[in-house]
Amino acid sequence: MVRKVLVVDDEADLADLAEALLRSRGLDVVVANSAMEALQILARDGDIDAVFSDVMMPGMNGLQLADALSEFYPRLKIILTSGYTVPSMLEDRERRYLFTTKPYRIDTIMKLLRS
């Protein structure tokens, strides 16, 4: 069961919105504004059950983050989101990561977290 989610988005307003939505559903939420910050948080917080990350970010993008996380934290649930069409980027990864488009609905995110 997912209890604690790490939200990763370089756009602070969107990260704050995702945090508020997930908290409204009773989840504990930690926010990172970059993939590198997310890696640092995960290195020191072993209680995180899932990562909800934007795909398009400067530096290390969400797909690169997801690849690193799946290697170092294989039990971590990973959900990626993007407002851009990224199917070709996801083709070889679609079996490993969950994906939803922006704008997303909290019900969709909760369903993915429970899957």
C-alpha atoms as a PDB file:
ATOM      1  CA  MET A   1       0.000   0.000   0.000  1.00  0.00           C
ATOM      2  CA  VAL A   2       1.293   3.437  -0.942  1.00  0.00           C
ATOM      3  CA  ARG A   3       1.469   5.839   1.985  1.00  0.00           C
ATOM      4  CA  LYS A   4       4.256   8.249   1.085  1.00  0.00           C
ATOM      5  CA  VAL A   5       4.759   9.803  -2.354  1.00  0.00           C
ATOM      6  CA  LEU A   6       7.638  11.851  -3.721  1.00  0.00           C
ATOM      7  CA  VAL A   7       6.373  14.439  -6.231  1.00  0.00           C
ATOM      8  CA  VAL A   8       9.009  15.622  -8.724  1.00  0.00           C
ATOM      9  CA  ASP A   9       8.302  18.635 -10.930  1.00  0.00           C
ATOM     10  CA  ASP A  10      10.494  21.582 -11.896  1.00  0.00           C
ATOM     11  CA  GLU A  11       7.412  23.819 -12.002  1.00  0.00           C
ATOM     12  CA  ALA A  12       6.809  24.709  -8.350  1.00  0.00           C
ATOM     13  CA  ASP A  13       3.124  25.577  -8.852  1.00  0.00           C
ATOM     14  CA  LEU A  14       2.402  22.170 -10.398  1.00  0.00           C
ATOM     15  CA  ALA A  15       4.397  20.390  -7.695  1.00  0.00           C
ATOM     16  CA  ASP A  16       2.426  22.261  -5.027  1.00  0.00           C
ATOM     17  CA  LEU A  17      -0.865  21.365  -6.712  1.00  0.00           C
ATOM     18  CA  ALA A  18       0.049  17.669  -6.895  1.00  0.00           C
ATOM     19  CA  GLU A  19       1.143  17.794  -3.256  1.00  0.00           C
ATOM     20  CA  ALA A  20      -2.165  19.343  -2.154  1.00  0.00           C
ATOM     21  CA  LEU A  21      -4.222  16.845  -4.173  1.00  0.00           C
ATOM     22  CA  LEU A  22      -2.350  13.836  -2.810  1.00  0.00           C
ATOM     23  CA  ARG A  23      -2.476  15.153   0.762  1.00  0.00           C
ATOM     24  CA  SER A  24      -6.243  15.637   0.379  1.00  0.00           C
ATOM     25  CA  ARG A  25      -6.409  11.863  -0.173  1.00  0.00           C
ATOM     26  CA  GLY A  26      -4.529  11.156   3.056  1.00  0.00           C
ATOM     27  CA  LEU A  27      -1.061  10.545   1.644  1.00  0.00           C
ATOM     28  CA  ASP A  28       2.189  11.830   3.089  1.00  0.00           C
ATOM     29  CA  VAL A  29       3.954  13.844   0.375  1.00  0.00           C
ATOM     30  CA  VAL A  30       7.504  15.079  -0.163  1.00  0.00           C
ATOM     31  CA  VAL A  31       8.301  17.472  -3.034  1.00  0.00           C
ATOM     32  CA  ALA A  32      11.451  17.766  -5.146  1.00  0.00           C
ATOM     33  CA  ASN A  33      11.894  20.414  -7.826  1.00  0.00           C
ATOM     34  CA  SER A  34      14.487  18.453  -9.819  1.00  0.00           C
ATOM     35  CA  ALA A  35      15.515  14.886 -10.480  1.00  0.00           C
ATOM     36  CA  MET A  36      18.776  15.411  -8.609  1.00  0.00           C
ATOM     37  CA  GLU A  37      16.891  16.676  -5.558  1.00  0.00           C
ATOM     38  CA  ALA A  38      14.618  13.619  -5.797  1.00  0.00           C
ATOM     39  CA  LEU A  39      17.637  11.294  -5.746  1.00  0.00           C
ATOM     40  CA  GLN A  40      18.989  13.071  -2.660  1.00  0.00           C
ATOM     41  CA  ILE A  41      15.645  12.784  -0.873  1.00  0.00           C
ATOM     42  CA  LEU A  42      15.342   9.080  -1.684  1.00  0.00           C
ATOM     43  CA  ALA A  43      18.881   8.434  -0.458  1.00  0.00           C
ATOM     44  CA  ARG A  44      17.960   9.713   3.009  1.00  0.00           C
ATOM     45  CA  ASP A  45      14.255   8.776   3.252  1.00  0.00           C
ATOM     46  CA  GLY A  46      13.577   5.061   2.987  1.00  0.00           C
ATOM     47  CA  ASP A  47       9.854   5.432   3.693  1.00  0.00           C
ATOM     48  CA  ILE A  48       8.878   6.632   0.210  1.00  0.00           C
ATOM     49  CA  ASP A  49       6.608   4.143  -1.558  1.00  0.00           C
ATOM     50  CA  ALA A  50       6.038   5.894  -4.897  1.00  0.00           C
ATOM     51  CA  VAL A  51       7.355   8.646  -7.149  1.00  0.00           C
ATOM     52  CA  PHE A  52       5.073  10.862  -9.245  1.00  0.00           C
ATOM     53  CA  SER A  53       7.311  12.726 -11.687  1.00  0.00           C
ATOM     54  CA  ASP A  54       7.018  15.077 -14.603  1.00  0.00           C
ATOM     55  CA  VAL A  55       8.842  13.821 -17.698  1.00  0.00           C
ATOM     56  CA  MET A  56      10.024  17.109 -19.186  1.00  0.00           C
ATOM     57  CA  MET A  57      12.514  18.717 -16.793  1.00  0.00           C
ATOM     58  CA  PRO A  58      15.868  20.427 -17.362  1.00  0.00           C
ATOM     59  CA  GLY A  59      18.990  18.405 -16.655  1.00  0.00           C
ATOM     60  CA  MET A  60      18.021  14.857 -15.771  1.00  0.00           C
ATOM     61  CA  ASN A  61      14.504  14.364 -17.144  1.00  0.00           C
ATOM     62  CA  GLY A  62      11.777  12.214 -15.637  1.00  0.00           C
ATOM     63  CA  LEU A  63      12.535   9.185 -17.820  1.00  0.00           C
ATOM     64  CA  GLN A  64      16.190   9.262 -16.845  1.00  0.00           C
ATOM     65  CA  LEU A  65      15.145   9.602 -13.207  1.00  0.00           C
ATOM     66  CA  ALA A  66      12.747   6.664 -13.546  1.00  0.00           C
ATOM     67  CA  ASP A  67      15.484   4.515 -15.101  1.00  0.00           C
ATOM     68  CA  ALA A  68      17.851   5.328 -12.219  1.00  0.00           C
ATOM     69  CA  LEU A  69      15.160   4.727  -9.605  1.00  0.00           C
ATOM     70  CA  SER A  70      14.137   1.377 -11.063  1.00  0.00           C
ATOM     71  CA  GLU A  71      17.759   0.256 -10.872  1.00  0.00           C
ATOM     72  CA  PHE A  72      18.440   1.405  -7.303  1.00  0.00           C
ATOM     73  CA  TYR A  73      14.912   1.113  -5.845  1.00  0.00           C
ATOM     74  CA  PRO A  74      13.244  -1.760  -7.745  1.00  0.00           C
ATOM     75  CA  ARG A  75      10.182  -1.916  -5.454  1.00  0.00           C
ATOM     76  CA  LEU A  76       9.365   1.776  -5.867  1.00  0.00           C
ATOM     77  CA  LYS A  77       6.174   2.515  -7.812  1.00  0.00           C
ATOM     78  CA  ILE A  78       6.919   5.066 -10.542  1.00  0.00           C
ATOM     79  CA  ILE A  79       4.271   7.198 -12.239  1.00  0.00           C
ATOM     80  CA  LEU A  80       5.314   9.609 -14.984  1.00  0.00           C
ATOM     81  CA  THR A  81       3.282  12.508 -16.322  1.00  0.00           C
ATOM     82  CA  SER A  82       3.648  14.984 -19.158  1.00  0.00           C
ATOM     83  CA  GLY A  83       1.650  17.577 -20.998  1.00  0.00           C
ATOM     84  CA  TYR A  84       3.593  16.698 -24.141  1.00  0.00           C
ATOM     85  CA  THR A  85       3.154  13.672 -26.349  1.00  0.00           C
ATOM     86  CA  VAL A  86       5.978  11.325 -25.430  1.00  0.00           C
ATOM     87  CA  PRO A  87       4.906   7.882 -26.669  1.00  0.00           C
ATOM     88  CA  SER A  88       8.128   7.207 -28.564  1.00  0.00           C
ATOM     89  CA  MET A  89      10.113   8.001 -25.426  1.00  0.00           C
ATOM     90  CA  LEU A  90       8.016   5.554 -23.425  1.00  0.00           C
ATOM     91  CA  GLU A  91       7.776   2.639 -25.862  1.00  0.00           C
ATOM     92  CA  ASP A  92      10.601   0.599 -24.359  1.00  0.00           C
ATOM     93  CA  ARG A  93       9.693   1.636 -20.823  1.00  0.00           C
ATOM     94  CA  GLU A  94       5.912   1.268 -20.872  1.00  0.00           C
ATOM     95  CA  ARG A  95       5.969  -2.033 -19.032  1.00  0.00           C
ATOM     96  CA  ARG A  96       8.082  -0.673 -16.184  1.00  0.00           C
ATOM     97  CA  TYR A  97       6.444   2.696 -15.519  1.00  0.00           C
ATOM     98  CA  LEU A  98       2.916   3.957 -15.234  1.00  0.00           C
ATOM     99  CA  PHE A  99       2.011   7.069 -17.241  1.00  0.00           C
ATOM    100  CA  THR A 100      -0.717   9.702 -17.286  1.00  0.00           C
ATOM    101  CA  THR A 101      -1.065  12.867 -19.330  1.00  0.00           C
ATOM    102  CA  LYS A 102      -1.418  16.409 -18.031  1.00  0.00           C
ATOM    103  CA  PRO A 103      -3.810  17.715 -17.051  1.00  0.00           C
ATOM    104  CA  TYR A 104      -4.395  14.722 -14.832  1.00  0.00           C
ATOM    105  CA  ARG A 105      -7.189  13.913 -12.423  1.00  0.00           C
ATOM    106  CA  ILE A 106      -6.508  12.953  -8.828  1.00  0.00           C
ATOM    107  CA  ASP A 107      -8.764   9.910  -9.255  1.00  0.00           C
ATOM    108  CA  THR A 108      -6.501   8.690 -12.059  1.00  0.00           C
ATOM    109  CA  ILE A 109      -3.383   9.171  -9.941  1.00  0.00           C
ATOM    110  CA  MET A 110      -4.950   7.352  -6.991  1.00  0.00           C
ATOM    111  CA  LYS A 111      -5.968   4.464  -9.262  1.00  0.00           C
ATOM    112  CA  LEU A 112      -2.400   4.204 -10.571  1.00  0.00           C
ATOM    113  CA  LEU A 113      -0.993   4.325  -7.039  1.00  0.00           C
ATOM    114  CA  ARG A 114      -3.285   1.455  -6.022  1.00  0.00           C
ATOM    115  CA  SER A 115      -2.521  -0.664  -9.110  1.00  0.00           C
END
